[in-house]
Amino acid sequence: MPGEIRIFVNERGHTLPAGALVRDALRTIVPELLPACEAGEAFVTDGRGIPLLLEAVLESGAILRAARGGRRNPAGAPEHDAGA
C-alpha cells in the first residue's frame, strides 16, 4: 500500500495519506465545509455525482465535489416541480 494517495477536490489535486477518509479530505482541504456536511447543509459527491459518506475510505485518483446544499439535491440535479 502506498504511503500517499492523490485525489481531486473541486477540480484541484491534493495528496493525502493512504487510508484517508472523505472526512479527512474535507478537514484538510476545505475545513470550512466539514461542519456544514456534518449538519447536512453541504454535501460531497464523487465524480459521477453520487453522494459519499464522510466515513468512506478514499482511493488514489478519487474525484470529489464538495458544496453547500441550497436548492439542489445531493446528486447535484436540479429539483423539479411535480405539479408542472
PDB file of N, CA and C in Angstrom:
ATOM      1  N   MET A   1       0.849  -1.172   0.000  1.00  0.00           N
ATOM      2  CA  MET A   1       0.000   0.000   0.000  1.00  0.00           C
ATOM      3  C   MET A   1       0.896   1.238   0.000  1.00  0.00           C
ATOM      4  N   PRO A   2       0.645   2.160  -0.937  1.00  0.00           N
ATOM      5  CA  PRO A   2       1.465   3.369  -0.959  1.00  0.00           C
ATOM      6  C   PRO A   2       1.216   4.214   0.286  1.00  0.00           C
ATOM      7  N   GLY A   3       2.202   5.041   0.636  1.00  0.00           N
ATOM      8  CA  GLY A   3       2.069   5.894   1.806  1.00  0.00           C
ATOM      9  C   GLY A   3       1.176   7.089   1.572  1.00  0.00           C
ATOM     10  N   GLU A   4       0.985   7.476   0.302  1.00  0.00           N
ATOM     11  CA  GLU A   4       0.165   8.632  -0.026  1.00  0.00           C
ATOM     12  C   GLU A   4      -0.719   8.320  -1.218  1.00  0.00           C
ATOM     13  N   ILE A   5      -1.840   9.043  -1.301  1.00  0.00           N
ATOM     14  CA  ILE A   5      -2.727   8.930  -2.458  1.00  0.00           C
ATOM     15  C   ILE A   5      -2.952  10.330  -3.022  1.00  0.00           C
ATOM     16  N   ARG A   6      -3.212  10.385  -4.300  1.00  0.00           N
ATOM     17  CA  ARG A   6      -3.519  11.657  -4.969  1.00  0.00           C
ATOM     18  C   ARG A   6      -5.013  11.664  -5.242  1.00  0.00           C
ATOM     19  N   ILE A   7      -5.700  12.716  -4.779  1.00  0.00           N
ATOM     20  CA  ILE A   7      -7.134  12.859  -5.013  1.00  0.00           C
ATOM     21  C   ILE A   7      -7.397  14.254  -5.574  1.00  0.00           C
ATOM     22  N   PHE A   8      -8.624  14.464  -6.014  1.00  0.00           N
ATOM     23  CA  PHE A   8      -9.021  15.751  -6.545  1.00  0.00           C
ATOM     24  C   PHE A   8     -10.287  16.204  -5.823  1.00  0.00           C
ATOM     25  N   VAL A   9     -10.256  17.425  -5.300  1.00  0.00           N
ATOM     26  CA  VAL A   9     -11.406  18.010  -4.624  1.00  0.00           C
ATOM     27  C   VAL A   9     -11.721  19.324  -5.324  1.00  0.00           C
ATOM     28  N   ASN A  10     -12.943  19.415  -5.837  1.00  0.00           N
ATOM     29  CA  ASN A  10     -13.364  20.617  -6.561  1.00  0.00           C
ATOM     30  C   ASN A  10     -12.345  21.012  -7.628  1.00  0.00           C
ATOM     31  N   GLU A  11     -11.900  19.995  -8.380  1.00  0.00           N
ATOM     32  CA  GLU A  11     -11.034  20.143  -9.551  1.00  0.00           C
ATOM     33  C   GLU A  11      -9.579  20.488  -9.249  1.00  0.00           C
ATOM     34  N   ARG A  12      -9.170  20.407  -7.978  1.00  0.00           N
ATOM     35  CA  ARG A  12      -7.771  20.673  -7.634  1.00  0.00           C
ATOM     36  C   ARG A  12      -7.153  19.433  -7.012  1.00  0.00           C
ATOM     37  N   GLY A  13      -5.939  19.102  -7.433  1.00  0.00           N
ATOM     38  CA  GLY A  13      -5.258  17.926  -6.923  1.00  0.00           C
ATOM     39  C   GLY A  13      -4.693  18.141  -5.523  1.00  0.00           C
ATOM     40  N   HIS A  14      -4.730  17.073  -4.718  1.00  0.00           N
ATOM     41  CA  HIS A  14      -4.218  17.094  -3.354  1.00  0.00           C
ATOM     42  C   HIS A  14      -3.630  15.728  -3.029  1.00  0.00           C
ATOM     43  N   THR A  15      -2.668  15.711  -2.122  1.00  0.00           N
ATOM     44  CA  THR A  15      -2.066  14.462  -1.662  1.00  0.00           C
ATOM     45  C   THR A  15      -2.456  14.250  -0.209  1.00  0.00           C
ATOM     46  N   LEU A  16      -2.930  13.050   0.090  1.00  0.00           N
ATOM     47  CA  LEU A  16      -3.331  12.670   1.444  1.00  0.00           C
ATOM     48  C   LEU A  16      -2.670  11.348   1.803  1.00  0.00           C
ATOM     49  N   PRO A  17      -2.615  11.013   3.079  1.00  0.00           N
ATOM     50  CA  PRO A  17      -2.092   9.701   3.472  1.00  0.00           C
ATOM     51  C   PRO A  17      -3.009   8.581   2.983  1.00  0.00           C
ATOM     52  N   ALA A  18      -2.435   7.460   2.630  1.00  0.00           N
ATOM     53  CA  ALA A  18      -3.233   6.286   2.262  1.00  0.00           C
ATOM     54  C   ALA A  18      -4.165   5.950   3.411  1.00  0.00           C
ATOM     55  N   GLY A  19      -5.379   5.537   3.086  1.00  0.00           N
ATOM     56  CA  GLY A  19      -6.372   5.194   4.098  1.00  0.00           C
ATOM     57  C   GLY A  19      -7.195   6.382   4.566  1.00  0.00           C
ATOM     58  N   ALA A  20      -6.971   7.570   3.965  1.00  0.00           N
ATOM     59  CA  ALA A  20      -7.719   8.767   4.357  1.00  0.00           C
ATOM     60  C   ALA A  20      -9.199   8.603   4.026  1.00  0.00           C
ATOM     61  N   LEU A  21     -10.023   9.228   4.847  1.00  0.00           N
ATOM     62  CA  LEU A  21     -11.471   9.211   4.665  1.00  0.00           C
ATOM     63  C   LEU A  21     -11.917  10.499   3.989  1.00  0.00           C
ATOM     64  N   VAL A  22     -13.148  10.507   3.490  1.00  0.00           N
ATOM     65  CA  VAL A  22     -13.728  11.725   2.933  1.00  0.00           C
ATOM     66  C   VAL A  22     -13.661  12.831   3.985  1.00  0.00           C
ATOM     67  N   ARG A  23     -13.963  12.514   5.231  1.00  0.00           N
ATOM     68  CA  ARG A  23     -13.906  13.473   6.341  1.00  0.00           C
ATOM     69  C   ARG A  23     -12.506  14.089   6.446  1.00  0.00           C
ATOM     70  N   ASP A  24     -11.464  13.263   6.305  1.00  0.00           N
ATOM     71  CA  ASP A  24     -10.086  13.751   6.382  1.00  0.00           C
ATOM     72  C   ASP A  24      -9.793  14.728   5.245  1.00  0.00           C
ATOM     73  N   ALA A  25     -10.301  14.418   4.049  1.00  0.00           N
ATOM     74  CA  ALA A  25     -10.089  15.301   2.910  1.00  0.00           C
ATOM     75  C   ALA A  25     -10.731  16.659   3.170  1.00  0.00           C
ATOM     76  N   LEU A  26     -11.954  16.653   3.669  1.00  0.00           N
ATOM     77  CA  LEU A  26     -12.617  17.918   3.969  1.00  0.00           C
ATOM     78  C   LEU A  26     -11.860  18.689   5.041  1.00  0.00           C
ATOM     79  N   ARG A  27     -11.481  17.999   6.105  1.00  0.00           N
ATOM     80  CA  ARG A  27     -10.777  18.653   7.213  1.00  0.00           C
ATOM     81  C   ARG A  27      -9.486  19.314   6.727  1.00  0.00           C
ATOM     82  N   THR A  28      -8.799  18.673   5.789  1.00  0.00           N
ATOM     83  CA  THR A  28      -7.520  19.161   5.292  1.00  0.00           C
ATOM     84  C   THR A  28      -7.661  20.203   4.185  1.00  0.00           C
ATOM     85  N   ILE A  29      -8.615  19.994   3.278  1.00  0.00           N
ATOM     86  CA  ILE A  29      -8.672  20.786   2.051  1.00  0.00           C
ATOM     87  C   ILE A  29      -9.720  21.899   2.100  1.00  0.00           C
ATOM     88  N   VAL A  30     -10.897  21.604   2.609  1.00  0.00           N
ATOM     89  CA  VAL A  30     -11.969  22.613   2.709  1.00  0.00           C
ATOM     90  C   VAL A  30     -12.584  22.543   4.110  1.00  0.00           C
ATOM     91  N   PRO A  31     -11.802  22.884   5.126  1.00  0.00           N
ATOM     92  CA  PRO A  31     -12.271  22.719   6.504  1.00  0.00           C
ATOM     93  C   PRO A  31     -13.539  23.501   6.822  1.00  0.00           C
ATOM     94  N   GLU A  32     -13.781  24.587   6.105  1.00  0.00           N
ATOM     95  CA  GLU A  32     -14.984  25.368   6.358  1.00  0.00           C
ATOM     96  C   GLU A  32     -16.266  24.615   5.996  1.00  0.00           C
ATOM     97  N   LEU A  33     -16.160  23.583   5.140  1.00  0.00           N
ATOM     98  CA  LEU A  33     -17.332  22.808   4.744  1.00  0.00           C
ATOM     99  C   LEU A  33     -17.609  21.612   5.648  1.00  0.00           C
ATOM    100  N   LEU A  34     -16.641  21.179   6.434  1.00  0.00           N
ATOM    101  CA  LEU A  34     -16.846  19.983   7.256  1.00  0.00           C
ATOM    102  C   LEU A  34     -18.023  20.131   8.210  1.00  0.00           C
ATOM    103  N   PRO A  35     -18.126  21.189   9.013  1.00  0.00           N
ATOM    104  CA  PRO A  35     -19.279  21.303   9.912  1.00  0.00           C
ATOM    105  C   PRO A  35     -20.610  21.325   9.150  1.00  0.00           C
ATOM    106  N   ALA A  36     -20.634  21.981   7.990  1.00  0.00           N
ATOM    107  CA  ALA A  36     -21.856  22.033   7.194  1.00  0.00           C
ATOM    108  C   ALA A  36     -22.224  20.648   6.664  1.00  0.00           C
ATOM    109  N   CYS A  37     -21.236  19.850   6.269  1.00  0.00           N
ATOM    110  CA  CYS A  37     -21.502  18.481   5.807  1.00  0.00           C
ATOM    111  C   CYS A  37     -22.031  17.627   6.958  1.00  0.00           C
ATOM    112  N   GLU A  38     -21.440  17.776   8.117  1.00  0.00           N
ATOM    113  CA  GLU A  38     -21.899  17.015   9.282  1.00  0.00           C
ATOM    114  C   GLU A  38     -23.333  17.377   9.665  1.00  0.00           C
ATOM    115  N   ALA A  39     -23.723  18.634   9.408  1.00  0.00           N
ATOM    116  CA  ALA A  39     -25.071  19.101   9.739  1.00  0.00           C
ATOM    117  C   ALA A  39     -26.069  18.870   8.596  1.00  0.00           C
ATOM    118  N   GLY A  40     -25.599  18.337   7.472  1.00  0.00           N
ATOM    119  CA  GLY A  40     -26.479  18.102   6.334  1.00  0.00           C
ATOM    120  C   GLY A  40     -26.757  19.352   5.510  1.00  0.00           C
ATOM    121  N   GLU A  41     -25.985  20.403   5.713  1.00  0.00           N
ATOM    122  CA  GLU A  41     -26.166  21.652   4.978  1.00  0.00           C
ATOM    123  C   GLU A  41     -25.249  21.745   3.758  1.00  0.00           C
ATOM    124  N   ALA A  42     -24.334  20.810   3.636  1.00  0.00           N
ATOM    125  CA  ALA A  42     -23.425  20.714   2.495  1.00  0.00           C
ATOM    126  C   ALA A  42     -23.277  19.229   2.189  1.00  0.00           C
ATOM    127  N   PHE A  43     -22.693  18.920   1.066  1.00  0.00           N
ATOM    128  CA  PHE A  43     -22.571  17.521   0.672  1.00  0.00           C
ATOM    129  C   PHE A  43     -21.303  17.290  -0.131  1.00  0.00           C
ATOM    130  N   VAL A  44     -20.943  16.019  -0.228  1.00  0.00           N
ATOM    131  CA  VAL A  44     -19.788  15.600  -1.020  1.00  0.00           C
ATOM    132  C   VAL A  44     -20.268  14.512  -1.963  1.00  0.00           C
ATOM    133  N   THR A  45     -19.904  14.635  -3.233  1.00  0.00           N
ATOM    134  CA  THR A  45     -20.219  13.595  -4.200  1.00  0.00           C
ATOM    135  C   THR A  45     -18.939  13.145  -4.875  1.00  0.00           C
ATOM    136  N   ASP A  46     -19.029  11.982  -5.533  1.00  0.00           N
ATOM    137  CA  ASP A  46     -17.896  11.539  -6.335  1.00  0.00           C
ATOM    138  C   ASP A  46     -17.994  12.204  -7.702  1.00  0.00           C
ATOM    139  N   GLY A  47     -17.110  11.865  -8.586  1.00  0.00           N
ATOM    140  CA  GLY A  47     -17.072  12.481  -9.906  1.00  0.00           C
ATOM    141  C   GLY A  47     -18.306  12.230 -10.748  1.00  0.00           C
ATOM    142  N   ARG A  48     -19.112  11.219 -10.363  1.00  0.00           N
ATOM    143  CA  ARG A  48     -20.342  10.909 -11.094  1.00  0.00           C
ATOM    144  C   ARG A  48     -21.563  11.571 -10.479  1.00  0.00           C
ATOM    145  N   GLY A  49     -21.357  12.275  -9.346  1.00  0.00           N
ATOM    146  CA  GLY A  49     -22.482  12.917  -8.672  1.00  0.00           C
ATOM    147  C   GLY A  49     -23.145  12.055  -7.624  1.00  0.00           C
ATOM    148  N   ILE A  50     -22.550  10.920  -7.283  1.00  0.00           N
ATOM    149  CA  ILE A  50     -23.110  10.029  -6.271  1.00  0.00           C
ATOM    150  C   ILE A  50     -22.663  10.503  -4.891  1.00  0.00           C
ATOM    151  N   PRO A  51     -23.612  10.723  -3.968  1.00  0.00           N
ATOM    152  CA  PRO A  51     -23.246  11.192  -2.626  1.00  0.00           C
ATOM    153  C   PRO A  51     -22.312  10.212  -1.916  1.00  0.00           C
ATOM    154  N   LEU A  52     -21.364  10.762  -1.169  1.00  0.00           N
ATOM    155  CA  LEU A  52     -20.407   9.956  -0.414  1.00  0.00           C
ATOM    156  C   LEU A  52     -20.602  10.173   1.081  1.00  0.00           C
ATOM    157  N   LEU A  53     -20.417   9.122   1.847  1.00  0.00           N
ATOM    158  CA  LEU A  53     -20.431   9.230   3.297  1.00  0.00           C
ATOM    159  C   LEU A  53     -19.115   9.831   3.760  1.00  0.00           C
ATOM    160  N   LEU A  54     -19.151  10.569   4.841  1.00  0.00           N
ATOM    161  CA  LEU A  54     -17.926  11.156   5.372  1.00  0.00           C
ATOM    162  C   LEU A  54     -16.932  10.102   5.824  1.00  0.00           C
ATOM    163  N   GLU A  55     -17.410   8.900   6.148  1.00  0.00           N
ATOM    164  CA  GLU A  55     -16.540   7.826   6.622  1.00  0.00           C
ATOM    165  C   GLU A  55     -16.038   6.912   5.500  1.00  0.00           C
ATOM    166  N   ALA A  56     -16.330   7.254   4.248  1.00  0.00           N
ATOM    167  CA  ALA A  56     -15.858   6.442   3.116  1.00  0.00           C
ATOM    168  C   ALA A  56     -14.345   6.586   2.966  1.00  0.00           C
ATOM    169  N   VAL A  57     -13.673   5.462   2.716  1.00  0.00           N
ATOM    170  CA  VAL A  57     -12.222   5.459   2.502  1.00  0.00           C
ATOM    171  C   VAL A  57     -11.948   5.871   1.060  1.00  0.00           C
ATOM    172  N   LEU A  58     -11.010   6.775   0.895  1.00  0.00           N
ATOM    173  CA  LEU A  58     -10.659   7.271  -0.435  1.00  0.00           C
ATOM    174  C   LEU A  58      -9.613   6.384  -1.093  1.00  0.00           C
ATOM    175  N   GLU A  59      -9.704   6.303  -2.406  1.00  0.00           N
ATOM    176  CA  GLU A  59      -8.704   5.596  -3.192  1.00  0.00           C
ATOM    177  C   GLU A  59      -7.955   6.614  -4.037  1.00  0.00           C
ATOM    178  N   SER A  60      -6.755   6.278  -4.408  1.00  0.00           N
ATOM    179  CA  SER A  60      -5.972   7.170  -5.256  1.00  0.00           C
ATOM    180  C   SER A  60      -6.735   7.459  -6.541  1.00  0.00           C
ATOM    181  N   GLY A  61      -6.744   8.720  -6.941  1.00  0.00           N
ATOM    182  CA  GLY A  61      -7.456   9.120  -8.147  1.00  0.00           C
ATOM    183  C   GLY A  61      -8.895   9.534  -7.904  1.00  0.00           C
ATOM    184  N   ALA A  62      -9.358   9.464  -6.646  1.00  0.00           N
ATOM    185  CA  ALA A  62     -10.742   9.841  -6.339  1.00  0.00           C
ATOM    186  C   ALA A  62     -11.006  11.286  -6.735  1.00  0.00           C
ATOM    187  N   ILE A  63     -12.196  11.513  -7.258  1.00  0.00           N
ATOM    188  CA  ILE A  63     -12.631  12.852  -7.623  1.00  0.00           C
ATOM    189  C   ILE A  63     -13.821  13.192  -6.738  1.00  0.00           C
ATOM    190  N   LEU A  64     -13.683  14.263  -5.955  1.00  0.00           N
ATOM    191  CA  LEU A  64     -14.738  14.677  -5.036  1.00  0.00           C
ATOM    192  C   LEU A  64     -15.213  16.072  -5.394  1.00  0.00           C
ATOM    193  N   ARG A  65     -16.484  16.296  -5.164  1.00  0.00           N
ATOM    194  CA  ARG A  65     -17.047  17.631  -5.281  1.00  0.00           C
ATOM    195  C   ARG A  65     -17.730  17.940  -3.956  1.00  0.00           C
ATOM    196  N   ALA A  66     -17.332  19.034  -3.342  1.00  0.00           N
ATOM    197  CA  ALA A  66     -17.892  19.446  -2.060  1.00  0.00           C
ATOM    198  C   ALA A  66     -18.555  20.798  -2.239  1.00  0.00           C
ATOM    199  N   ALA A  67     -19.806  20.916  -1.761  1.00  0.00           N
ATOM    200  CA  ALA A  67     -20.538  22.169  -1.926  1.00  0.00           C
ATOM    201  C   ALA A  67     -21.627  22.301  -0.880  1.00  0.00           C
ATOM    202  N   ARG A  68     -22.042  23.507  -0.643  1.00  0.00           N
ATOM    203  CA  ARG A  68     -23.180  23.767   0.243  1.00  0.00           C
ATOM    204  C   ARG A  68     -24.452  23.336  -0.469  1.00  0.00           C
ATOM    205  N   GLY A  69     -25.468  22.987   0.318  1.00  0.00           N
ATOM    206  CA  GLY A  69     -26.740  22.478  -0.202  1.00  0.00           C
ATOM    207  C   GLY A  69     -27.490  23.437  -1.096  1.00  0.00           C
ATOM    208  N   GLY A  70     -28.313  24.292  -0.545  1.00  0.00           N
ATOM    209  CA  GLY A  70     -29.127  25.176  -1.358  1.00  0.00           C
ATOM    210  C   GLY A  70     -30.336  24.451  -1.911  1.00  0.00           C
ATOM    211  N   ARG A  71     -30.747  24.783  -3.128  1.00  0.00           N
ATOM    212  CA  ARG A  71     -31.955  24.232  -3.737  1.00  0.00           C
ATOM    213  C   ARG A  71     -31.674  23.033  -4.620  1.00  0.00           C
ATOM    214  N   ARG A  72     -30.554  22.354  -4.421  1.00  0.00           N
ATOM    215  CA  ARG A  72     -30.217  21.191  -5.243  1.00  0.00           C
ATOM    216  C   ARG A  72     -30.188  19.947  -4.377  1.00  0.00           C
ATOM    217  N   ASN A  73     -30.480  18.819  -4.988  1.00  0.00           N
ATOM    218  CA  ASN A  73     -30.416  17.583  -4.216  1.00  0.00           C
ATOM    219  C   ASN A  73     -28.957  17.137  -4.117  1.00  0.00           C
ATOM    220  N   PRO A  74     -28.627  16.156  -3.244  1.00  0.00           N
ATOM    221  CA  PRO A  74     -27.233  15.764  -3.054  1.00  0.00           C
ATOM    222  C   PRO A  74     -26.518  15.284  -4.312  1.00  0.00           C
ATOM    223  N   ALA A  75     -27.260  14.777  -5.283  1.00  0.00           N
ATOM    224  CA  ALA A  75     -26.614  14.317  -6.505  1.00  0.00           C
ATOM    225  C   ALA A  75     -26.319  15.477  -7.447  1.00  0.00           C
ATOM    226  N   GLY A  76     -26.792  16.679  -7.103  1.00  0.00           N
ATOM    227  CA  GLY A  76     -26.489  17.849  -7.901  1.00  0.00           C
ATOM    228  C   GLY A  76     -27.492  18.122  -9.001  1.00  0.00           C
ATOM    229  N   ALA A  77     -28.525  17.293  -9.121  1.00  0.00           N
ATOM    230  CA  ALA A  77     -29.527  17.525 -10.154  1.00  0.00           C
ATOM    231  C   ALA A  77     -30.535  18.549  -9.650  1.00  0.00           C
ATOM    232  N   PRO A  78     -30.939  19.478 -10.497  1.00  0.00           N
ATOM    233  CA  PRO A  78     -31.934  20.470 -10.061  1.00  0.00           C
ATOM    234  C   PRO A  78     -33.242  19.773  -9.695  1.00  0.00           C
ATOM    235  N   GLU A  79     -33.887  20.283  -8.661  1.00  0.00           N
ATOM    236  CA  GLU A  79     -35.183  19.738  -8.283  1.00  0.00           C
ATOM    237  C   GLU A  79     -36.207  20.226  -9.285  1.00  0.00           C
ATOM    238  N   HIS A  80     -37.245  19.423  -9.530  1.00  0.00           N
ATOM    239  CA  HIS A  80     -38.282  19.852 -10.458  1.00  0.00           C
ATOM    240  C   HIS A  80     -39.606  19.927  -9.723  1.00  0.00           C
ATOM    241  N   ASP A  81     -40.513  20.686 -10.271  1.00  0.00           N
ATOM    242  CA  ASP A  81     -41.824  20.860  -9.675  1.00  0.00           C
ATOM    243  C   ASP A  81     -42.738  19.772 -10.203  1.00  0.00           C
ATOM    244  N   ALA A  82     -43.161  18.867  -9.313  1.00  0.00           N
ATOM    245  CA  ALA A  82     -44.002  17.735  -9.727  1.00  0.00           C
ATOM    246  C   ALA A  82     -45.356  18.214 -10.229  1.00  0.00           C
ATOM    247  N   GLY A  83     -45.776  19.427  -9.872  1.00  0.00           N
ATOM    248  CA  GLY A  83     -47.075  19.930 -10.299  1.00  0.00           C
ATOM    249  C   GLY A  83     -47.055  20.588 -11.670  1.00  0.00           C
ATOM    250  N   ALA A  84     -45.893  20.698 -12.260  1.00  0.00           N
ATOM    251  CA  ALA A  84     -45.800  21.384 -13.566  1.00  0.00           C
ATOM    252  C   ALA A  84     -46.174  20.486 -14.701  1.00  0.00           C
TER     253      ALA A  84
END
